[in-house]
Structure formats: structure tokens, C-alpha cells
């Protein structure tokens, strides 16, 4: 499914590939107060996770993958 960009938030849905990491990073740079919802994310490539950890947007939702939950736990909120 990919990433759905809205005015102040992005929603990660399904499986997010490495090819989407750069676009997400650029969008987050242009939207400094944006939120990223990971509640519908089934899997994300490590490059996307690195963007989230480096850019530190407000992360909402809880991904189904327990490992991904743990990786995003310090900044995730439901």
C-alpha cells in the first residue's frame, strides 16, 4: 500500500519498502510538526525505520509487528 501523505500527517500502510525512505525524509523535513501513523504498517524496511528514528516525528498508532513496536516504543503513542 505504501505511505499516504496528508497535510499534517503521513500514514504507513502495509509493507513499506526502502524506496519510500527518501520521500518520507523529504516530506518530514518540509513538515516539522507532522505525525506519522504506523498503526496499519505490517512491515517497514530498515531504511524507513532509520528515517523515523533520525527525524523523530510524533509517531502514533501501534504496528502489529512486536519487533517494530519495540523499536518505536520510545516515541510511539496510541
Protein backbone atom coordinates (compact mmCIF):
# COMPACT_ATOMS: atom_id res chain seq x y z
CA UNK A 1 0.00 0.00 0.00
CA UNK A 2 2.74 2.46 0.91
CA UNK A 3 2.68 5.86 2.51
CA UNK A 4 -0.33 8.16 2.35
CA UNK A 5 0.63 11.81 2.83
CA UNK A 6 -1.86 14.30 4.19
CA UNK A 7 -1.42 17.92 5.18
CA UNK A 8 -0.07 17.30 8.71
CA UNK A 9 0.34 13.53 8.88
CA UNK A 10 1.53 10.51 6.99
CA UNK A 11 0.08 7.02 7.33
CA UNK A 12 2.23 3.97 6.71
CA UNK A 13 0.08 1.13 5.40
CA UNK A 14 1.06 -2.43 4.59
CA UNK A 15 4.66 -3.07 3.64
CA UNK A 16 6.91 -0.02 3.32
CA UNK A 17 9.93 -0.52 1.06
CA UNK A 18 13.37 1.08 1.12
CA UNK A 19 12.45 3.11 -1.98
CA UNK A 20 9.98 5.11 0.13
CA UNK A 21 12.53 6.20 2.77
CA UNK A 22 13.90 9.21 0.89
CA UNK A 23 10.46 10.59 0.05
CA UNK A 24 9.40 10.21 3.70
CA UNK A 25 12.54 12.00 4.86
CA UNK A 26 11.98 14.90 2.46
CA UNK A 27 8.33 15.18 3.49
CA UNK A 28 9.26 15.20 7.19
CA UNK A 29 11.81 17.96 6.54
CA UNK A 30 9.08 20.07 4.95
CA UNK A 31 6.56 19.25 7.73
CA UNK A 32 8.48 19.68 11.01
CA UNK A 33 5.42 19.16 13.24
CA UNK A 34 3.92 16.29 11.29
CA UNK A 35 2.78 13.00 12.79
CA UNK A 36 3.39 9.56 11.34
CA UNK A 37 0.78 6.88 11.96
CA UNK A 38 2.21 3.35 11.97
CA UNK A 39 -0.95 1.56 13.14
CA UNK A 40 -1.60 -0.04 9.74
CA UNK A 41 2.05 -0.81 8.99
CA UNK A 42 2.74 -4.53 8.59
CA UNK A 43 6.45 -4.20 7.81
CA UNK A 44 8.88 -1.39 7.13
CA UNK A 45 12.34 -1.60 5.63
CA UNK A 46 15.16 -0.66 8.00
CA UNK A 47 15.83 2.47 5.92
CA UNK A 48 12.33 3.76 6.73
CA UNK A 49 12.80 2.95 10.40
CA UNK A 50 16.09 4.85 10.36
CA UNK A 51 14.33 7.90 8.92
CA UNK A 52 11.75 7.77 11.72
CA UNK A 53 14.40 7.37 14.40
CA UNK A 54 16.58 10.14 12.96
CA UNK A 55 13.84 12.67 12.21
CA UNK A 56 11.87 11.90 15.39
CA UNK A 57 8.37 12.84 14.23
CA UNK A 58 5.42 12.29 16.54
CA UNK A 59 4.61 8.61 15.98
CA UNK A 60 1.04 7.45 16.53
CA UNK A 61 -0.60 4.05 16.38
CA UNK A 62 0.84 0.67 17.23
CA UNK A 63 2.17 -1.61 14.50
CA UNK A 64 1.18 -5.28 14.58
CA UNK A 65 4.81 -6.47 14.44
CA UNK A 66 6.14 -6.90 18.02
CA UNK A 67 9.72 -6.11 16.98
CA UNK A 68 8.62 -2.91 15.28
CA UNK A 69 6.57 -1.99 18.36
CA UNK A 70 9.69 -2.34 20.50
CA UNK A 71 11.83 -0.37 18.04
CA UNK A 72 9.38 2.54 18.03
CA UNK A 73 8.34 2.26 21.69
CA UNK A 74 10.37 5.22 22.99
CA UNK A 75 8.48 7.58 20.70
CA UNK A 76 5.20 5.77 19.94
CA UNK A 77 1.84 6.73 21.40
CA UNK A 78 -1.57 5.22 20.73
